[in-house]
Amino acid sequence: MTNAQASTSNDRFERGLELLRQVGGQERPAVLDSLADIAPDLGRLTVEFGYGDILSRPGLTLRQRQLATVSALAAMGNAAPQLRFHIDGALNVGCTREEIVETLIHVSVYAGFPAALNGLAAAREVFDARTDLPAPTEPAPAPSGDRFERGSAKLAEIDGHAGEQVIDSLRDIAPDLGRYIIEYSFGDIYSRPGLDLKTREMVTVAMCTALGTVAPQLGVHIHGLLNVGGTETEVVEIITQMAGYAGFPAALNGITVARAVFAERN
């Protein structure tokens, strides 16, 4: 390694270490010590790439990045220790208990109830271990009115024509599934307070990218994020971030979907 390369690596590590301290709330991040005896290079790479390269990028706030990570890890369902770390990290960078809970409830739409329930169990562990959190707020009242009408209006607001196409494609084979999508996903969940629509679509894009098996739905929700005030830069940033949590193939496939959506809109 040349002196210039070593200097660049050191800069990335120091930048990543400072950000990891902010997220993790520890002077000496545990990932370095936990890997010191078996894979110290992986610890260094986690700091350099995950934090020095990716999470330090402009384009998203740390709050947005942490909620995206929490949603993706909960949806994948295979990384409970890391999910607990990032729930704690979300609190450290200014997310509220209520925002985290709402994000995990939102997971039920895209990864199912077991993933959401396991995510909430992890959140409970984190919340119980913290002595610095304010008392939980009173739950907001459930949305009122007809669920189907409310969901139809919300679907039109978010996904527009792309969402309507999904529902129409089910009429000849599973009309009840289309109705459930409207009533539960949009009438019950998207209509809840606790997260604004842009944040809901951000975490949805993160989940659909991380899951790696739902390209058509990812396209619909990239449209949705752009429809509710998101930018192409934010879409690309969310998908790029998933390289660190779901792998490069998932991120590359997500970017392929995003490219098609951007071309269609432009």
Foldseek 3Di string as FASTA:
>chain_A
DDPVVVVVLVQLLVQLLVVCCLLQVDNDDVLCVVCVVPCNVVSSCCSRPLRSPFVPDPDDDNLLLLLLLLLQCLLVVPCLVVNLSSLSSNVSRPDALLLNLLSLVLSCLPRNDVSSVSSVVSSVVNVVVDPPHDDDDDADDFDDDDLLVQLVVQCCQQQNPLLVVVQVVCPVPHNVVSSCCSRPNRSGRQPGPRDDQLSSLLSVLSNVLLVLPCLSVNLSSVSRNVSVPGDLSSSLSSLVSCCSVRNDVSSVSSVVSSVVSVVVVD
